[in-house]
Amino acid sequence: MPDIDPNKLEREIALQLKHGGYATPPGPLPCAEERARAILTLEAREDIVFLTEDEDEPWDGEAPTYFFCLSIRRIDPNAVGRRGGECLASLGMVYVNDFHDPYLRVCFAHLALEVLSDEAEEQERVDTYNAAELASRATYAGPAQPDPMLPAPCAMRLSSPEAAL
């Protein structure tokens, strides 16, 4: 994980605590900190973009508010424009009062947790495959070098041939 500015982390934890709603064990503060670290980690990556788009699905009730579809995407950092790319996580029908509602950031933090969890699982699969591949190619290289401080195994130290009789 990249280094996170402690001041940014503190502000993000405060936002997550205030607007994050309920928390499951281990409790509100650890959950807020986990969400804060996840969103700040992904924000630091050049290959990640957070998109907020109008919801395509019609709402069947009367609502004076906005609905958004949120997504986190992996893009080529050198590409022109910041749209497109592989969708890593998304959430639709996000109900907020306006575009600046802090709840959007809480939703993105939950999506960031999902992305980081998926990436960790994928890395574990790759590591397991690589370990199995290396083990299948391993060859027997002979015995380990003996410790010079220990006597050689099965060696008899005789001062003369007569002492062996």
N, C-alpha and C. Protein backbone atom coordinates (compact mmCIF):
# COMPACT_ATOMS: atom_id res chain seq x y z
N MET A 1 0.84 -1.18 0.00
CA MET A 1 0.00 0.00 0.00
C MET A 1 0.88 1.24 0.00
N PRO A 2 0.46 2.25 -0.71
CA PRO A 2 1.26 3.47 -0.75
C PRO A 2 1.15 4.23 0.58
N ASP A 3 2.12 5.10 0.77
CA ASP A 3 2.06 5.96 1.95
C ASP A 3 0.90 6.94 1.78
N ILE A 4 0.15 7.12 2.84
CA ILE A 4 -1.00 8.02 2.82
C ILE A 4 -0.69 9.18 3.74
N ASP A 5 -0.92 10.40 3.25
CA ASP A 5 -0.72 11.60 4.05
C ASP A 5 -1.59 11.50 5.30
N PRO A 6 -1.00 11.58 6.50
CA PRO A 6 -1.78 11.44 7.73
C PRO A 6 -2.90 12.47 7.86
N ASN A 7 -2.69 13.68 7.34
CA ASN A 7 -3.74 14.71 7.42
C ASN A 7 -4.92 14.34 6.53
N LYS A 8 -4.62 13.87 5.32
CA LYS A 8 -5.70 13.45 4.43
C LYS A 8 -6.45 12.27 5.03
N LEU A 9 -5.70 11.34 5.63
CA LEU A 9 -6.32 10.17 6.24
C LEU A 9 -7.24 10.59 7.38
N GLU A 10 -6.79 11.49 8.21
CA GLU A 10 -7.60 11.96 9.34
C GLU A 10 -8.90 12.61 8.85
N ARG A 11 -8.80 13.46 7.82
CA ARG A 11 -10.00 14.11 7.27
C ARG A 11 -10.94 13.08 6.65
N GLU A 12 -10.37 12.10 5.96
CA GLU A 12 -11.20 11.09 5.30
C GLU A 12 -11.89 10.21 6.35
N ILE A 13 -11.19 9.85 7.40
CA ILE A 13 -11.81 9.05 8.47
C ILE A 13 -12.98 9.82 9.08
N ALA A 14 -12.78 11.12 9.32
CA ALA A 14 -13.85 11.94 9.90
C ALA A 14 -15.06 11.96 8.97
N LEU A 15 -14.84 12.11 7.66
CA LEU A 15 -15.95 12.11 6.71
C LEU A 15 -16.66 10.76 6.72
N GLN A 16 -15.90 9.68 6.71
CA GLN A 16 -16.49 8.35 6.69
C GLN A 16 -17.27 8.08 7.98
N LEU A 17 -16.76 8.54 9.11
CA LEU A 17 -17.48 8.37 10.38
C LEU A 17 -18.80 9.14 10.37
N LYS A 18 -18.75 10.37 9.87
CA LYS A 18 -19.93 11.24 9.91
C LYS A 18 -21.01 10.78 8.94
N HIS A 19 -20.62 10.35 7.73
CA HIS A 19 -21.60 10.08 6.68
C HIS A 19 -21.73 8.61 6.32
N GLY A 20 -20.95 7.75 6.99
CA GLY A 20 -20.93 6.34 6.61
C GLY A 20 -22.05 5.50 7.17
N GLY A 21 -22.87 6.05 8.01
CA GLY A 21 -23.98 5.26 8.52
C GLY A 21 -23.53 4.23 9.54
N TYR A 22 -24.24 3.11 9.56
CA TYR A 22 -23.96 2.07 10.54
C TYR A 22 -22.64 1.37 10.21
N ALA A 23 -22.15 0.61 11.17
CA ALA A 23 -20.92 -0.16 10.97
C ALA A 23 -21.10 -1.53 11.59
N THR A 24 -20.50 -2.49 10.97
CA THR A 24 -20.51 -3.85 11.52
C THR A 24 -19.28 -4.01 12.38
N PRO A 25 -19.22 -5.06 13.19
CA PRO A 25 -18.02 -5.27 13.99
C PRO A 25 -16.80 -5.26 13.08
N PRO A 26 -15.75 -4.62 13.44
CA PRO A 26 -15.32 -4.24 14.79
C PRO A 26 -15.81 -2.89 15.29
N GLY A 27 -16.66 -2.19 14.57
CA GLY A 27 -17.21 -0.94 15.06
C GLY A 27 -17.02 0.20 14.09
N PRO A 28 -17.60 1.36 14.41
CA PRO A 28 -17.59 2.50 13.48
C PRO A 28 -16.20 3.02 13.13
N LEU A 29 -15.33 3.22 14.11
CA LEU A 29 -14.02 3.80 13.82
C LEU A 29 -13.15 2.89 12.96
N PRO A 30 -12.97 1.62 13.31
CA PRO A 30 -12.16 0.77 12.43
C PRO A 30 -12.74 0.63 11.02
N CYS A 31 -14.05 0.58 10.91
CA CYS A 31 -14.68 0.49 9.59
C CYS A 31 -14.46 1.77 8.79
N ALA A 32 -14.58 2.92 9.45
CA ALA A 32 -14.35 4.20 8.77
C ALA A 32 -12.89 4.30 8.32
N GLU A 33 -11.98 3.85 9.15
CA GLU A 33 -10.57 3.89 8.78
C GLU A 33 -10.28 2.97 7.60
N GLU A 34 -10.88 1.80 7.59
CA GLU A 34 -10.68 0.87 6.47
C GLU A 34 -11.21 1.47 5.16
N ARG A 35 -12.38 2.08 5.21
CA ARG A 35 -12.93 2.73 4.01
C ARG A 35 -12.05 3.89 3.57
N ALA A 36 -11.58 4.68 4.54
CA ALA A 36 -10.74 5.84 4.23
C ALA A 36 -9.44 5.39 3.56
N ARG A 37 -8.80 4.37 4.10
CA ARG A 37 -7.55 3.88 3.50
C ARG A 37 -7.80 3.33 2.09
N ALA A 38 -8.91 2.66 1.90
CA ALA A 38 -9.19 2.08 0.59
C ALA A 38 -9.38 3.16 -0.46
N ILE A 39 -10.19 4.17 -0.18
CA ILE A 39 -10.43 5.20 -1.19
C ILE A 39 -9.18 6.02 -1.46
N LEU A 40 -8.40 6.33 -0.42
CA LEU A 40 -7.18 7.11 -0.62
C LEU A 40 -6.13 6.31 -1.38
N THR A 41 -6.09 5.01 -1.14
CA THR A 41 -5.15 4.15 -1.87
C THR A 41 -5.46 4.17 -3.36
N LEU A 42 -6.73 4.00 -3.71
CA LEU A 42 -7.08 3.99 -5.13
C LEU A 42 -6.96 5.37 -5.77
N GLU A 43 -7.26 6.42 -5.02
CA GLU A 43 -7.11 7.77 -5.57
C GLU A 43 -5.66 8.08 -5.93
N ALA A 44 -4.72 7.45 -5.26
CA ALA A 44 -3.31 7.70 -5.52
C ALA A 44 -2.81 6.99 -6.79
N ARG A 45 -3.58 6.07 -7.31
CA ARG A 45 -3.16 5.32 -8.49
C ARG A 45 -3.55 6.05 -9.77
N GLU A 46 -2.61 6.12 -10.70
CA GLU A 46 -2.86 6.81 -11.97
C GLU A 46 -3.73 6.00 -12.92
N ASP A 47 -3.83 4.69 -12.69
CA ASP A 47 -4.61 3.85 -13.60
C ASP A 47 -6.06 3.68 -13.16
N ILE A 48 -6.48 4.42 -12.14
CA ILE A 48 -7.84 4.30 -11.60
C ILE A 48 -8.58 5.63 -11.74
N VAL A 49 -9.84 5.55 -12.18
CA VAL A 49 -10.70 6.73 -12.20
C VAL A 49 -12.01 6.38 -11.50
N PHE A 50 -12.58 7.37 -10.86
CA PHE A 50 -13.89 7.27 -10.20
C PHE A 50 -14.87 8.04 -11.07
N LEU A 51 -15.91 7.39 -11.54
CA LEU A 51 -16.88 8.05 -12.42
C LEU A 51 -18.24 8.12 -11.75
N THR A 52 -18.86 9.27 -11.89
CA THR A 52 -20.23 9.48 -11.44
C THR A 52 -21.03 9.86 -12.68
N GLU A 53 -21.99 9.03 -13.02
CA GLU A 53 -22.78 9.26 -14.23
C GLU A 53 -24.26 9.26 -13.88
N ASP A 54 -25.04 9.89 -14.72
CA ASP A 54 -26.48 9.86 -14.52
C ASP A 54 -26.97 8.42 -14.63
N GLU A 55 -27.92 8.07 -13.78
CA GLU A 55 -28.49 6.73 -13.82
C GLU A 55 -29.35 6.58 -15.06
N ASP A 56 -29.13 5.50 -15.79
CA ASP A 56 -29.91 5.23 -17.00
C ASP A 56 -31.29 4.67 -16.70
N GLU A 57 -31.40 3.94 -15.63
CA GLU A 57 -32.66 3.30 -15.27
C GLU A 57 -33.65 4.35 -14.77
N PRO A 58 -34.88 4.33 -15.23
CA PRO A 58 -35.86 5.30 -14.75
C PRO A 58 -36.30 4.96 -13.32
N TRP A 59 -36.57 5.99 -12.55
CA TRP A 59 -37.08 5.82 -11.21
C TRP A 59 -38.60 5.82 -11.29
N ASP A 60 -39.22 4.87 -10.60
CA ASP A 60 -40.67 4.73 -10.74
C ASP A 60 -41.47 5.58 -9.76
N GLY A 61 -40.81 6.37 -8.97
CA GLY A 61 -41.53 7.21 -8.03
C GLY A 61 -41.20 8.67 -8.26
N GLU A 62 -41.82 9.52 -7.48
CA GLU A 62 -41.51 10.94 -7.57
C GLU A 62 -40.35 11.23 -6.64
N ALA A 63 -39.30 11.81 -7.20
CA ALA A 63 -38.13 12.10 -6.38
C ALA A 63 -37.51 13.42 -6.85
N PRO A 64 -37.41 14.38 -5.95
CA PRO A 64 -36.80 15.66 -6.33
C PRO A 64 -35.28 15.61 -6.26
N THR A 65 -34.73 14.44 -6.16
CA THR A 65 -33.28 14.30 -6.01
C THR A 65 -32.69 13.64 -7.25
N TYR A 66 -31.38 13.40 -7.19
CA TYR A 66 -30.65 12.82 -8.31
C TYR A 66 -30.28 11.38 -8.02
N PHE A 67 -30.25 10.59 -9.07
CA PHE A 67 -29.77 9.22 -8.96
C PHE A 67 -28.55 9.08 -9.85
N PHE A 68 -27.54 8.42 -9.30
CA PHE A 68 -26.30 8.26 -10.03
C PHE A 68 -25.90 6.80 -10.11
N CYS A 69 -25.09 6.52 -11.10
CA CYS A 69 -24.41 5.24 -11.20
C CYS A 69 -22.93 5.54 -10.97
N LEU A 70 -22.35 4.90 -9.99
CA LEU A 70 -20.94 5.12 -9.65
C LEU A 70 -20.13 3.94 -10.17
N SER A 71 -18.93 4.23 -10.65
CA SER A 71 -18.06 3.13 -11.07
C SER A 71 -16.61 3.49 -10.82
N ILE A 72 -15.82 2.47 -10.60
CA ILE A 72 -14.37 2.60 -10.50
C ILE A 72 -13.83 1.81 -11.68
N ARG A 73 -13.00 2.48 -12.48
CA ARG A 73 -12.49 1.86 -13.70
C ARG A 73 -10.97 1.91 -13.75
N ARG A 74 -10.41 0.88 -14.38
CA ARG A 74 -8.97 0.85 -14.65
C ARG A 74 -8.78 1.33 -16.08
N ILE A 75 -7.93 2.33 -16.24
CA ILE A 75 -7.68 2.89 -17.57
C ILE A 75 -6.19 2.91 -17.84
N ASP A 76 -5.85 3.17 -19.08
CA ASP A 76 -4.46 3.41 -19.45
C ASP A 76 -4.15 4.85 -19.06
N PRO A 77 -3.21 5.08 -18.12
CA PRO A 77 -2.94 6.45 -17.68
C PRO A 77 -2.44 7.36 -18.79
N ASN A 78 -1.95 6.79 -19.90
CA ASN A 78 -1.44 7.60 -21.00
C ASN A 78 -2.49 7.88 -22.05
N ALA A 79 -3.67 7.31 -21.90
CA ALA A 79 -4.73 7.49 -22.91
C ALA A 79 -5.32 8.89 -22.82
N VAL A 80 -5.80 9.37 -23.95
CA VAL A 80 -6.46 10.66 -23.99
C VAL A 80 -7.88 10.48 -23.47
N GLY A 81 -8.31 11.34 -22.56
CA GLY A 81 -9.64 11.21 -21.98
C GLY A 81 -9.61 10.24 -20.81
N ARG A 82 -10.59 10.33 -19.97
CA ARG A 82 -10.62 9.49 -18.76
C ARG A 82 -11.84 8.59 -18.72
N ARG A 83 -12.46 8.32 -19.86
CA ARG A 83 -13.64 7.45 -19.92
C ARG A 83 -13.22 6.08 -20.42
N GLY A 84 -14.15 5.16 -20.37
CA GLY A 84 -13.86 3.82 -20.87
C GLY A 84 -13.09 3.02 -19.84
N GLY A 85 -12.31 2.08 -20.31
CA GLY A 85 -11.52 1.25 -19.42
C GLY A 85 -12.33 0.11 -18.84
N GLU A 86 -11.66 -0.71 -18.08
CA GLU A 86 -12.28 -1.88 -17.46
C GLU A 86 -13.00 -1.48 -16.18
N CYS A 87 -14.27 -1.82 -16.09
CA CYS A 87 -15.04 -1.52 -14.89
C CYS A 87 -14.67 -2.53 -13.81
N LEU A 88 -14.14 -2.05 -12.70
CA LEU A 88 -13.73 -2.92 -11.60
C LEU A 88 -14.83 -3.10 -10.57
N ALA A 89 -15.68 -2.08 -10.41
CA ALA A 89 -16.80 -2.15 -9.47
C ALA A 89 -17.77 -1.03 -9.81
N SER A 90 -19.05 -1.29 -9.58
CA SER A 90 -20.04 -0.24 -9.85
C SER A 90 -21.24 -0.41 -8.91
N LEU A 91 -21.97 0.68 -8.78
CA LEU A 91 -23.17 0.70 -7.95
C LEU A 91 -24.16 1.66 -8.58
N GLY A 92 -25.34 1.17 -8.86
CA GLY A 92 -26.35 2.00 -9.50
C GLY A 92 -27.42 2.44 -8.52
N MET A 93 -28.25 3.37 -9.00
CA MET A 93 -29.38 3.91 -8.24
C MET A 93 -28.95 4.51 -6.89
N VAL A 94 -27.85 5.25 -6.92
CA VAL A 94 -27.38 5.93 -5.71
C VAL A 94 -28.19 7.22 -5.57
N TYR A 95 -28.90 7.33 -4.49
CA TYR A 95 -29.85 8.42 -4.22
C TYR A 95 -29.15 9.49 -3.39
N VAL A 96 -29.02 10.69 -3.93
CA VAL A 96 -28.40 11.79 -3.21
C VAL A 96 -29.17 13.08 -3.49
N ASN A 97 -28.95 14.07 -2.64
CA ASN A 97 -29.64 15.35 -2.81
C ASN A 97 -29.01 16.21 -3.88
N ASP A 98 -27.71 16.12 -4.04
CA ASP A 98 -27.03 16.86 -5.10
C ASP A 98 -25.69 16.19 -5.39
N PHE A 99 -25.03 16.72 -6.39
CA PHE A 99 -23.78 16.13 -6.87
C PHE A 99 -22.66 16.20 -5.82
N HIS A 100 -22.77 17.09 -4.86
CA HIS A 100 -21.72 17.26 -3.85
C HIS A 100 -22.03 16.55 -2.54
N ASP A 101 -23.03 15.72 -2.53
CA ASP A 101 -23.41 14.99 -1.32
C ASP A 101 -22.25 14.08 -0.88
N PRO A 102 -21.81 14.17 0.38
CA PRO A 102 -20.70 13.35 0.85
C PRO A 102 -21.00 11.84 0.82
N TYR A 103 -22.27 11.50 0.74
CA TYR A 103 -22.62 10.08 0.67
C TYR A 103 -22.05 9.44 -0.59
N LEU A 104 -21.87 10.22 -1.65
CA LEU A 104 -21.23 9.67 -2.86
C LEU A 104 -19.84 9.14 -2.54
N ARG A 105 -19.10 9.88 -1.71
CA ARG A 105 -17.75 9.47 -1.34
C ARG A 105 -17.78 8.20 -0.49
N VAL A 106 -18.76 8.09 0.38
CA VAL A 106 -18.90 6.87 1.18
C VAL A 106 -19.16 5.67 0.26
N CYS A 107 -20.02 5.86 -0.73
CA CYS A 107 -20.29 4.78 -1.69
C CYS A 107 -19.03 4.40 -2.45
N PHE A 108 -18.26 5.41 -2.89
CA PHE A 108 -17.02 5.12 -3.59
C PHE A 108 -16.03 4.38 -2.68
N ALA A 109 -16.04 4.70 -1.39
CA ALA A 109 -15.15 4.01 -0.46
C ALA A 109 -15.51 2.53 -0.36
N HIS A 110 -16.80 2.22 -0.34
CA HIS A 110 -17.22 0.82 -0.32
C HIS A 110 -16.81 0.11 -1.61
N LEU A 111 -16.96 0.80 -2.74
CA LEU A 111 -16.51 0.21 -4.00
C LEU A 111 -14.99 0.01 -4.00
N ALA A 112 -14.26 0.95 -3.41
CA ALA A 112 -12.80 0.82 -3.34
C ALA A 112 -12.40 -0.41 -2.53
N LEU A 113 -13.13 -0.67 -1.43
CA LEU A 113 -12.87 -1.89 -0.65
C LEU A 113 -13.07 -3.13 -1.51
N GLU A 114 -14.11 -3.12 -2.31
CA GLU A 114 -14.40 -4.26 -3.19
C GLU A 114 -13.28 -4.45 -4.21
N VAL A 115 -12.81 -3.36 -4.81
CA VAL A 115 -11.74 -3.44 -5.81
C VAL A 115 -10.46 -3.98 -5.18
N LEU A 116 -10.08 -3.45 -4.02
CA LEU A 116 -8.85 -3.90 -3.37
C LEU A 116 -8.94 -5.36 -2.95
N SER A 117 -10.11 -5.79 -2.49
CA SER A 117 -10.31 -7.19 -2.12
C SER A 117 -10.18 -8.09 -3.35
N ASP A 118 -10.79 -7.69 -4.47
CA ASP A 118 -10.69 -8.48 -5.70
C ASP A 118 -9.25 -8.55 -6.19
N GLU A 119 -8.53 -7.43 -6.10
CA GLU A 119 -7.13 -7.43 -6.54
C GLU A 119 -6.27 -8.32 -5.64
N ALA A 120 -6.53 -8.33 -4.34
CA ALA A 120 -5.78 -9.19 -3.42
C ALA A 120 -6.05 -10.66 -3.72
N GLU A 121 -7.31 -11.00 -4.00
CA GLU A 121 -7.64 -12.39 -4.36
C GLU A 121 -6.95 -12.80 -5.65
N GLU A 122 -6.94 -11.92 -6.63
CA GLU A 122 -6.28 -12.22 -7.91
C GLU A 122 -4.78 -12.40 -7.70
N GLN A 123 -4.17 -11.55 -6.89
CA GLN A 123 -2.73 -11.67 -6.61
C GLN A 123 -2.44 -12.98 -5.90
N GLU A 124 -3.31 -13.40 -4.99
CA GLU A 124 -3.12 -14.67 -4.30
C GLU A 124 -3.20 -15.84 -5.29
N ARG A 125 -4.14 -15.77 -6.24
CA ARG A 125 -4.24 -16.82 -7.26
C ARG A 125 -2.97 -16.88 -8.11
N VAL A 126 -2.46 -15.72 -8.49
CA VAL A 126 -1.23 -15.67 -9.29
C VAL A 126 -0.06 -16.22 -8.49
N ASP A 127 0.06 -15.82 -7.23
CA ASP A 127 1.15 -16.31 -6.39
C ASP A 127 1.09 -17.81 -6.21
N THR A 128 -0.12 -18.34 -6.01
CA THR A 128 -0.29 -19.79 -5.84
C THR A 128 0.09 -20.52 -7.12
N TYR A 129 -0.33 -20.01 -8.26
CA TYR A 129 0.03 -20.62 -9.54
C TYR A 129 1.54 -20.59 -9.73
N ASN A 130 2.16 -19.44 -9.46
CA ASN A 130 3.61 -19.32 -9.64
C ASN A 130 4.37 -20.25 -8.70
N ALA A 131 3.89 -20.40 -7.47
CA ALA A 131 4.56 -21.30 -6.53
C ALA A 131 4.46 -22.74 -7.01
N ALA A 132 3.29 -23.13 -7.51
CA ALA A 132 3.13 -24.49 -8.02
C ALA A 132 4.01 -24.71 -9.25
N GLU A 133 4.10 -23.69 -10.10
CA GLU A 133 4.95 -23.79 -11.30
C GLU A 133 6.41 -23.95 -10.92
N LEU A 134 6.86 -23.18 -9.96
CA LEU A 134 8.26 -23.30 -9.51
C LEU A 134 8.52 -24.66 -8.87
N ALA A 135 7.58 -25.14 -8.08
CA ALA A 135 7.75 -26.44 -7.43
C ALA A 135 7.81 -27.55 -8.46
N SER A 136 7.04 -27.44 -9.54
CA SER A 136 7.05 -28.49 -10.56
C SER A 136 8.36 -28.50 -11.35
N ARG A 137 9.07 -27.39 -11.36
CA ARG A 137 10.33 -27.31 -12.08
C ARG A 137 11.54 -27.56 -11.19
N ALA A 138 11.32 -27.71 -9.91
CA ALA A 138 12.44 -27.90 -8.99
C ALA A 138 13.11 -29.24 -9.27
N THR A 139 14.43 -29.26 -9.15
CA THR A 139 15.19 -30.49 -9.36
C THR A 139 16.01 -30.77 -8.11
N TYR A 140 16.37 -32.03 -7.96
CA TYR A 140 17.19 -32.43 -6.83
C TYR A 140 18.61 -32.00 -7.12
N ALA A 141 19.18 -31.20 -6.27
CA ALA A 141 20.52 -30.65 -6.50
C ALA A 141 21.59 -31.38 -5.69
N GLY A 142 21.25 -32.52 -5.11
CA GLY A 142 22.25 -33.25 -4.32
C GLY A 142 22.17 -32.85 -2.87
N PRO A 143 23.00 -33.48 -2.06
CA PRO A 143 22.95 -33.19 -0.63
C PRO A 143 23.45 -31.78 -0.32
N ALA A 144 22.99 -31.28 0.80
CA ALA A 144 23.46 -29.98 1.25
C ALA A 144 24.92 -30.09 1.65
N GLN A 145 25.60 -29.00 1.63
CA GLN A 145 27.01 -28.99 2.02
C GLN A 145 27.11 -29.33 3.51
N PRO A 146 28.01 -30.21 3.86
CA PRO A 146 28.14 -30.56 5.28
C PRO A 146 28.70 -29.40 6.09
N ASP A 147 28.32 -29.40 7.37
CA ASP A 147 28.84 -28.39 8.28
C ASP A 147 30.26 -28.78 8.64
N PRO A 148 31.25 -27.92 8.37
CA PRO A 148 32.65 -28.30 8.65
C PRO A 148 32.94 -28.46 10.13
N MET A 149 32.08 -27.98 10.99
CA MET A 149 32.32 -28.09 12.44
C MET A 149 31.86 -29.43 12.99
N LEU A 150 31.09 -30.19 12.21
CA LEU A 150 30.60 -31.48 12.67
C LEU A 150 31.43 -32.59 12.03
N PRO A 151 31.57 -33.70 12.74
CA PRO A 151 32.30 -34.80 12.11
C PRO A 151 31.49 -35.38 10.95
N ALA A 152 32.18 -35.88 10.00
CA ALA A 152 31.52 -36.48 8.85
C ALA A 152 30.72 -37.69 9.32
N PRO A 153 29.56 -37.97 8.76
CA PRO A 153 28.77 -39.11 9.18
C PRO A 153 29.48 -40.41 8.84
N CYS A 154 29.38 -41.38 9.74
CA CYS A 154 29.95 -42.72 9.57
C CYS A 154 31.47 -42.71 9.45
N ALA A 155 32.10 -41.66 9.86
CA ALA A 155 33.56 -41.64 9.79
C ALA A 155 34.13 -42.14 11.10
N MET A 156 35.13 -42.95 11.00
CA MET A 156 35.81 -43.43 12.21
C MET A 156 37.17 -42.76 12.28
N ARG A 157 37.49 -42.27 13.43
CA ARG A 157 38.78 -41.62 13.60
C ARG A 157 39.70 -42.61 14.31
N LEU A 158 40.58 -43.14 13.55
CA LEU A 158 41.50 -44.13 14.10
C LEU A 158 42.92 -43.58 14.03
N SER A 159 43.63 -43.80 15.08
CA SER A 159 45.01 -43.33 15.09
C SER A 159 45.94 -44.31 14.39
N SER A 160 45.54 -45.57 14.40
CA SER A 160 46.38 -46.56 13.72
C SER A 160 45.49 -47.74 13.33
N PRO A 161 45.94 -48.52 12.34
CA PRO A 161 45.15 -49.69 11.96
C PRO A 161 45.00 -50.69 13.08
N GLU A 162 45.96 -50.76 13.98
CA GLU A 162 45.89 -51.73 15.07
C GLU A 162 44.76 -51.39 16.05
N ALA A 163 44.42 -50.12 16.19
CA ALA A 163 43.38 -49.72 17.14
C ALA A 163 42.00 -50.19 16.69
N ALA A 164 41.89 -50.51 15.42
CA ALA A 164 40.61 -50.96 14.91
C ALA A 164 40.34 -52.41 15.25
N LEU A 165 41.37 -53.17 15.60
CA LEU A 165 41.20 -54.59 15.91
C LEU A 165 40.66 -54.81 17.24
